């Protein structure tokens, strides 16, 4: 798979090394689980902390929205 370089907002979460899109998604999920950012009432919703909000642009996103929003931060 083609490796993509994260912009500074995304690099703050998992580092600046170029990664395939699948690995980027995996590392974001690792971060979400590490900091318990899933909404307990609806696990499909992600509650954004400061670092994720810089990437997502909102306080809360669905896991379906997340991949599209993250793609805008890769080049």
PDB file of N, CA and C in Angstrom:
ATOM      1  N   UNK A   1       0.833  -1.185   0.000  1.00  0.00           N
ATOM      2  CA  UNK A   1       0.000   0.000   0.000  1.00  0.00           C
ATOM      3  C   UNK A   1       0.881   1.253   0.000  1.00  0.00           C
ATOM      4  N   UNK A   2       0.341   2.294  -0.582  1.00  0.00           N
ATOM      5  CA  UNK A   2       1.060   3.554  -0.668  1.00  0.00           C
ATOM      6  C   UNK A   2       1.131   4.203   0.721  1.00  0.00           C
ATOM      7  N   UNK A   3       2.325   4.688   1.078  1.00  0.00           N
ATOM      8  CA  UNK A   3       2.455   5.385   2.354  1.00  0.00           C
ATOM      9  C   UNK A   3       2.118   6.858   2.173  1.00  0.00           C
ATOM     10  N   UNK A   4       1.477   7.419   3.179  1.00  0.00           N
ATOM     11  CA  UNK A   4       1.057   8.812   3.157  1.00  0.00           C
ATOM     12  C   UNK A   4       1.635   9.533   4.358  1.00  0.00           C
ATOM     13  N   UNK A   5       1.981  10.782   4.161  1.00  0.00           N
ATOM     14  CA  UNK A   5       2.595  11.582   5.223  1.00  0.00           C
ATOM     15  C   UNK A   5       1.508  12.358   5.978  1.00  0.00           C
ATOM     16  N   UNK A   6       1.445  12.207   7.312  1.00  0.00           N
ATOM     17  CA  UNK A   6       0.458  12.963   8.087  1.00  0.00           C
ATOM     18  C   UNK A   6       0.875  14.423   8.244  1.00  0.00           C
ATOM     19  N   UNK A   7      -0.112  15.314   8.297  1.00  0.00           N
ATOM     20  CA  UNK A   7       0.200  16.721   8.560  1.00  0.00           C
ATOM     21  C   UNK A   7       0.498  16.882  10.063  1.00  0.00           C
ATOM     22  N   UNK A   8       0.934  18.060  10.517  1.00  0.00           N
ATOM     23  CA  UNK A   8       1.320  18.230  11.928  1.00  0.00           C
ATOM     24  C   UNK A   8       0.206  17.903  12.937  1.00  0.00           C
ATOM     25  N   UNK A   9      -1.043  18.215  12.615  1.00  0.00           N
ATOM     26  CA  UNK A   9      -2.140  17.921  13.549  1.00  0.00           C
ATOM     27  C   UNK A   9      -2.278  16.416  13.765  1.00  0.00           C
ATOM     28  N   UNK A  10      -2.192  15.643  12.705  1.00  0.00           N
ATOM     29  CA  UNK A  10      -2.301  14.191  12.797  1.00  0.00           C
ATOM     30  C   UNK A  10      -1.025  13.579  13.377  1.00  0.00           C
ATOM     31  N   UNK A  11       0.120  14.158  13.034  1.00  0.00           N
ATOM     32  CA  UNK A  11       1.399  13.666  13.556  1.00  0.00           C
ATOM     33  C   UNK A  11       1.488  13.803  15.069  1.00  0.00           C
ATOM     34  N   UNK A  12       0.759  14.747  15.649  1.00  0.00           N
ATOM     35  CA  UNK A  12       0.765  14.924  17.105  1.00  0.00           C
ATOM     36  C   UNK A  12       0.161  13.714  17.815  1.00  0.00           C
ATOM     37  N   UNK A  13      -0.648  12.943  17.120  1.00  0.00           N
ATOM     38  CA  UNK A  13      -1.291  11.774  17.723  1.00  0.00           C
ATOM     39  C   UNK A  13      -0.392  10.547  17.679  1.00  0.00           C
ATOM     40  N   UNK A  14       0.249  10.288  16.525  1.00  0.00           N
ATOM     41  CA  UNK A  14       1.018   9.045  16.414  1.00  0.00           C
ATOM     42  C   UNK A  14       2.383   9.186  15.762  1.00  0.00           C
ATOM     43  N   UNK A  15       2.834  10.388  15.489  1.00  0.00           N
ATOM     44  CA  UNK A  15       4.156  10.581  14.910  1.00  0.00           C
ATOM     45  C   UNK A  15       4.086  10.972  13.439  1.00  0.00           C
ATOM     46  N   UNK A  16       5.204  11.423  12.912  1.00  0.00           N
ATOM     47  CA  UNK A  16       5.248  11.998  11.566  1.00  0.00           C
ATOM     48  C   UNK A  16       5.700  11.021  10.483  1.00  0.00           C
ATOM     49  N   UNK A  17       5.950   9.759  10.834  1.00  0.00           N
ATOM     50  CA  UNK A  17       6.427   8.823   9.820  1.00  0.00           C
ATOM     51  C   UNK A  17       5.327   8.515   8.797  1.00  0.00           C
ATOM     52  N   UNK A  18       5.670   8.422   7.522  1.00  0.00           N
ATOM     53  CA  UNK A  18       4.687   8.059   6.493  1.00  0.00           C
ATOM     54  C   UNK A  18       4.178   6.637   6.722  1.00  0.00           C
ATOM     55  N   UNK A  19       2.859   6.463   6.617  1.00  0.00           N
ATOM     56  CA  UNK A  19       2.223   5.169   6.866  1.00  0.00           C
ATOM     57  C   UNK A  19       1.124   4.924   5.834  1.00  0.00           C
ATOM     58  N   UNK A  20       0.790   3.649   5.588  1.00  0.00           N
ATOM     59  CA  UNK A  20      -0.378   3.361   4.756  1.00  0.00           C
ATOM     60  C   UNK A  20      -1.658   3.813   5.483  1.00  0.00           C
ATOM     61  N   UNK A  21      -2.682   4.110   4.735  1.00  0.00           N
ATOM     62  CA  UNK A  21      -3.944   4.583   5.306  1.00  0.00           C
ATOM     63  C   UNK A  21      -4.502   3.599   6.345  1.00  0.00           C
ATOM     64  N   UNK A  22      -4.349   2.295   6.091  1.00  0.00           N
ATOM     65  CA  UNK A  22      -4.860   1.293   7.032  1.00  0.00           C
ATOM     66  C   UNK A  22      -4.165   1.394   8.385  1.00  0.00           C
ATOM     67  N   UNK A  23      -2.858   1.626   8.372  1.00  0.00           N
ATOM     68  CA  UNK A  23      -2.102   1.753   9.623  1.00  0.00           C
ATOM     69  C   UNK A  23      -2.464   3.050  10.346  1.00  0.00           C
ATOM     70  N   UNK A  24      -2.732   4.118   9.603  1.00  0.00           N
ATOM     71  CA  UNK A  24      -3.161   5.380  10.211  1.00  0.00           C
ATOM     72  C   UNK A  24      -4.463   5.155  10.978  1.00  0.00           C
ATOM     73  N   UNK A  25      -5.414   4.488  10.336  1.00  0.00           N
ATOM     74  CA  UNK A  25      -6.700   4.208  10.987  1.00  0.00           C
ATOM     75  C   UNK A  25      -6.494   3.354  12.231  1.00  0.00           C
ATOM     76  N   UNK A  26      -5.647   2.345  12.141  1.00  0.00           N
ATOM     77  CA  UNK A  26      -5.377   1.475  13.295  1.00  0.00           C
ATOM     78  C   UNK A  26      -4.793   2.278  14.448  1.00  0.00           C
ATOM     79  N   UNK A  27      -3.845   3.158  14.164  1.00  0.00           N
ATOM     80  CA  UNK A  27      -3.209   3.932  15.235  1.00  0.00           C
ATOM     81  C   UNK A  27      -4.171   4.941  15.860  1.00  0.00           C
ATOM     82  N   UNK A  28      -5.075   5.488  15.064  1.00  0.00           N
ATOM     83  CA  UNK A  28      -6.079   6.393  15.641  1.00  0.00           C
ATOM     84  C   UNK A  28      -7.000   5.608  16.561  1.00  0.00           C
ATOM     85  N   UNK A  29      -7.407   4.408  16.152  1.00  0.00           N
ATOM     86  CA  UNK A  29      -8.240   3.578  17.025  1.00  0.00           C
ATOM     87  C   UNK A  29      -7.487   3.189  18.296  1.00  0.00           C
ATOM     88  N   UNK A  30      -6.207   2.902  18.190  1.00  0.00           N
ATOM     89  CA  UNK A  30      -5.405   2.607  19.386  1.00  0.00           C
ATOM     90  C   UNK A  30      -5.431   3.791  20.346  1.00  0.00           C
ATOM     91  N   UNK A  31      -5.295   5.004  19.798  1.00  0.00           N
ATOM     92  CA  UNK A  31      -5.324   6.225  20.607  1.00  0.00           C
ATOM     93  C   UNK A  31      -6.696   6.395  21.264  1.00  0.00           C
ATOM     94  N   UNK A  32      -7.760   6.177  20.500  1.00  0.00           N
ATOM     95  CA  UNK A  32      -9.124   6.320  21.027  1.00  0.00           C
ATOM     96  C   UNK A  32      -9.352   5.344  22.178  1.00  0.00           C
ATOM     97  N   UNK A  33      -8.920   4.118  22.008  1.00  0.00           N
ATOM     98  CA  UNK A  33      -9.107   3.108  23.060  1.00  0.00           C
ATOM     99  C   UNK A  33      -8.210   3.372  24.261  1.00  0.00           C
ATOM    100  N   UNK A  34      -6.991   3.830  24.027  1.00  0.00           N
ATOM    101  CA  UNK A  34      -6.061   4.115  25.120  1.00  0.00           C
ATOM    102  C   UNK A  34      -6.620   5.190  26.050  1.00  0.00           C
ATOM    103  N   UNK A  35      -7.247   6.219  25.477  1.00  0.00           N
ATOM    104  CA  UNK A  35      -7.767   7.331  26.265  1.00  0.00           C
ATOM    105  C   UNK A  35      -9.272   7.249  26.485  1.00  0.00           C
ATOM    106  N   UNK A  36      -9.865   6.087  26.177  1.00  0.00           N
ATOM    107  CA  UNK A  36     -11.279   5.830  26.436  1.00  0.00           C
ATOM    108  C   UNK A  36     -12.169   6.941  25.872  1.00  0.00           C
ATOM    109  N   UNK A  37     -12.045   7.195  24.565  1.00  0.00           N
ATOM    110  CA  UNK A  37     -12.747   8.296  23.925  1.00  0.00           C
ATOM    111  C   UNK A  37     -14.017   7.874  23.190  1.00  0.00           C
ATOM    112  N   UNK A  38     -14.416   6.608  23.332  1.00  0.00           N
ATOM    113  CA  UNK A  38     -15.690   6.205  22.745  1.00  0.00           C
ATOM    114  C   UNK A  38     -16.814   6.597  23.699  1.00  0.00           C
ATOM    115  N   UNK A  39     -17.916   7.066  23.133  1.00  0.00           N
ATOM    116  CA  UNK A  39     -19.078   7.426  23.937  1.00  0.00           C
ATOM    117  C   UNK A  39     -19.620   6.147  24.578  1.00  0.00           C
ATOM    118  N   UNK A  40     -19.728   6.086  25.919  1.00  0.00           N
ATOM    119  CA  UNK A  40     -20.197   4.861  26.570  1.00  0.00           C
ATOM    120  C   UNK A  40     -21.642   4.504  26.197  1.00  0.00           C
ATOM    121  N   UNK A  41     -22.468   5.497  25.898  1.00  0.00           N
ATOM    122  CA  UNK A  41     -23.866   5.249  25.537  1.00  0.00           C
ATOM    123  C   UNK A  41     -24.006   4.756  24.098  1.00  0.00           C
ATOM    124  N   UNK A  42     -23.083   5.149  23.216  1.00  0.00           N
ATOM    125  CA  UNK A  42     -23.122   4.751  21.811  1.00  0.00           C
ATOM    126  C   UNK A  42     -21.683   4.608  21.324  1.00  0.00           C
ATOM    127  N   UNK A  43     -21.186   3.408  21.322  1.00  0.00           N
ATOM    128  CA  UNK A  43     -19.771   3.145  21.002  1.00  0.00           C
ATOM    129  C   UNK A  43     -19.377   3.564  19.591  1.00  0.00           C
ATOM    130  N   UNK A  44     -20.351   3.862  18.725  1.00  0.00           N
ATOM    131  CA  UNK A  44     -20.032   4.302  17.365  1.00  0.00           C
ATOM    132  C   UNK A  44     -19.602   5.760  17.332  1.00  0.00           C
ATOM    133  N   UNK A  45     -19.801   6.481  18.413  1.00  0.00           N
ATOM    134  CA  UNK A  45     -19.419   7.892  18.478  1.00  0.00           C
ATOM    135  C   UNK A  45     -18.107   8.052  19.215  1.00  0.00           C
ATOM    136  N   UNK A  46     -17.251   8.910  18.669  1.00  0.00           N
ATOM    137  CA  UNK A  46     -15.946   9.205  19.258  1.00  0.00           C
ATOM    138  C   UNK A  46     -16.024  10.596  19.876  1.00  0.00           C
ATOM    139  N   UNK A  47     -15.642  10.701  21.149  1.00  0.00           N
ATOM    140  CA  UNK A  47     -15.589  11.981  21.849  1.00  0.00           C
ATOM    141  C   UNK A  47     -14.174  12.519  21.678  1.00  0.00           C
ATOM    142  N   UNK A  48     -14.030  13.643  21.020  1.00  0.00           N
ATOM    143  CA  UNK A  48     -12.708  14.159  20.668  1.00  0.00           C
ATOM    144  C   UNK A  48     -12.083  14.943  21.812  1.00  0.00           C
ATOM    145  N   UNK A  49     -10.842  14.585  22.167  1.00  0.00           N
ATOM    146  CA  UNK A  49     -10.059  15.399  23.093  1.00  0.00           C
ATOM    147  C   UNK A  49      -9.363  16.484  22.263  1.00  0.00           C
ATOM    148  N   UNK A  50      -8.471  17.225  22.849  1.00  0.00           N
ATOM    149  CA  UNK A  50      -7.814  18.330  22.156  1.00  0.00           C
ATOM    150  C   UNK A  50      -7.094  17.930  20.885  1.00  0.00           C
ATOM    151  N   UNK A  51      -6.333  16.828  20.928  1.00  0.00           N
ATOM    152  CA  UNK A  51      -5.581  16.392  19.745  1.00  0.00           C
ATOM    153  C   UNK A  51      -6.506  15.903  18.631  1.00  0.00           C
ATOM    154  N   UNK A  52      -7.519  15.119  18.994  1.00  0.00           N
ATOM    155  CA  UNK A  52      -8.441  14.628  17.976  1.00  0.00           C
ATOM    156  C   UNK A  52      -9.309  15.741  17.408  1.00  0.00           C
ATOM    157  N   UNK A  53      -9.671  16.708  18.242  1.00  0.00           N
ATOM    158  CA  UNK A  53     -10.496  17.818  17.766  1.00  0.00           C
ATOM    159  C   UNK A  53      -9.747  18.625  16.700  1.00  0.00           C
ATOM    160  N   UNK A  54      -8.427  18.741  16.849  1.00  0.00           N
ATOM    161  CA  UNK A  54      -7.623  19.448  15.849  1.00  0.00           C
ATOM    162  C   UNK A  54      -7.680  18.736  14.498  1.00  0.00           C
ATOM    163  N   UNK A  55      -7.847  17.426  14.507  1.00  0.00           N
ATOM    164  CA  UNK A  55      -7.932  16.647  13.272  1.00  0.00           C
ATOM    165  C   UNK A  55      -9.367  16.594  12.752  1.00  0.00           C
ATOM    166  N   UNK A  56     -10.310  16.304  13.645  1.00  0.00           N
ATOM    167  CA  UNK A  56     -11.704  16.090  13.241  1.00  0.00           C
ATOM    168  C   UNK A  56     -12.477  17.394  13.036  1.00  0.00           C
ATOM    169  N   UNK A  57     -12.133  18.430  13.801  1.00  0.00           N
ATOM    170  CA  UNK A  57     -12.830  19.704  13.664  1.00  0.00           C
ATOM    171  C   UNK A  57     -14.115  19.799  14.447  1.00  0.00           C
ATOM    172  N   UNK A  58     -14.454  18.767  15.221  1.00  0.00           N
ATOM    173  CA  UNK A  58     -15.689  18.753  16.017  1.00  0.00           C
ATOM    174  C   UNK A  58     -15.420  18.104  17.366  1.00  0.00           C
ATOM    175  N   UNK A  59     -16.376  18.279  18.283  1.00  0.00           N
ATOM    176  CA  UNK A  59     -16.259  17.659  19.607  1.00  0.00           C
ATOM    177  C   UNK A  59     -16.582  16.172  19.577  1.00  0.00           C
ATOM    178  N   UNK A  60     -17.397  15.755  18.610  1.00  0.00           N
ATOM    179  CA  UNK A  60     -17.815  14.361  18.521  1.00  0.00           C
ATOM    180  C   UNK A  60     -18.023  13.986  17.060  1.00  0.00           C
ATOM    181  N   UNK A  61     -17.565  12.799  16.687  1.00  0.00           N
ATOM    182  CA  UNK A  61     -17.753  12.296  15.325  1.00  0.00           C
ATOM    183  C   UNK A  61     -18.172  10.832  15.396  1.00  0.00           C
ATOM    184  N   UNK A  62     -18.786  10.340  14.318  1.00  0.00           N
ATOM    185  CA  UNK A  62     -19.074   8.910  14.241  1.00  0.00           C
ATOM    186  C   UNK A  62     -17.842   8.215  13.668  1.00  0.00           C
ATOM    187  N   UNK A  63     -17.755   6.921  13.898  1.00  0.00           N
ATOM    188  CA  UNK A  63     -16.593   6.204  13.368  1.00  0.00           C
ATOM    189  C   UNK A  63     -16.624   6.173  11.846  1.00  0.00           C
ATOM    190  N   UNK A  64     -17.787   6.370  11.235  1.00  0.00           N
ATOM    191  CA  UNK A  64     -17.882   6.411   9.780  1.00  0.00           C
ATOM    192  C   UNK A  64     -17.364   7.737   9.228  1.00  0.00           C
ATOM    193  N   UNK A  65     -17.623   8.833   9.938  1.00  0.00           N
ATOM    194  CA  UNK A  65     -17.118  10.155   9.535  1.00  0.00           C
ATOM    195  C   UNK A  65     -15.600  10.229   9.683  1.00  0.00           C
ATOM    196  N   UNK A  66     -15.099   9.550  10.698  1.00  0.00           N
ATOM    197  CA  UNK A  66     -13.698   9.674  11.092  1.00  0.00           C
ATOM    198  C   UNK A  66     -12.732   9.409   9.931  1.00  0.00           C
ATOM    199  N   UNK A  67     -12.945   8.358   9.179  1.00  0.00           N
ATOM    200  CA  UNK A  67     -11.989   8.018   8.124  1.00  0.00           C
ATOM    201  C   UNK A  67     -11.939   9.104   7.046  1.00  0.00           C
ATOM    202  N   UNK A  68     -13.074   9.693   6.716  1.00  0.00           N
ATOM    203  CA  UNK A  68     -13.094  10.772   5.741  1.00  0.00           C
ATOM    204  C   UNK A  68     -12.393  12.012   6.239  1.00  0.00           C
ATOM    205  N   UNK A  69     -12.590  12.327   7.517  1.00  0.00           N
ATOM    206  CA  UNK A  69     -11.959  13.509   8.094  1.00  0.00           C
ATOM    207  C   UNK A  69     -10.445  13.323   8.219  1.00  0.00           C
ATOM    208  N   UNK A  70     -10.023  12.142   8.565  1.00  0.00           N
ATOM    209  CA  UNK A  70      -8.597  11.853   8.702  1.00  0.00           C
ATOM    210  C   UNK A  70      -7.898  11.927   7.343  1.00  0.00           C
ATOM    211  N   UNK A  71      -8.582  11.476   6.287  1.00  0.00           N
ATOM    212  CA  UNK A  71      -7.997  11.491   4.947  1.00  0.00           C
ATOM    213  C   UNK A  71      -7.569  12.862   4.488  1.00  0.00           C
ATOM    214  N   UNK A  72      -8.221  13.904   4.992  1.00  0.00           N
ATOM    215  CA  UNK A  72      -7.877  15.273   4.623  1.00  0.00           C
ATOM    216  C   UNK A  72      -6.532  15.708   5.211  1.00  0.00           C
ATOM    217  N   UNK A  73      -6.014  14.949   6.170  1.00  0.00           N
ATOM    218  CA  UNK A  73      -4.771  15.295   6.853  1.00  0.00           C
ATOM    219  C   UNK A  73      -3.585  14.458   6.372  1.00  0.00           C
ATOM    220  N   UNK A  74      -3.791  13.720   5.281  1.00  0.00           N
ATOM    221  CA  UNK A  74      -2.730  12.873   4.722  1.00  0.00           C
ATOM    222  C   UNK A  74      -2.362  13.365   3.317  1.00  0.00           C
ATOM    223  N   UNK A  75      -1.076  13.300   3.024  1.00  0.00           N
ATOM    224  CA  UNK A  75      -0.651  13.681   1.667  1.00  0.00           C
ATOM    225  C   UNK A  75       0.455  12.750   1.167  1.00  0.00           C
TER     226      UNK A  75
END
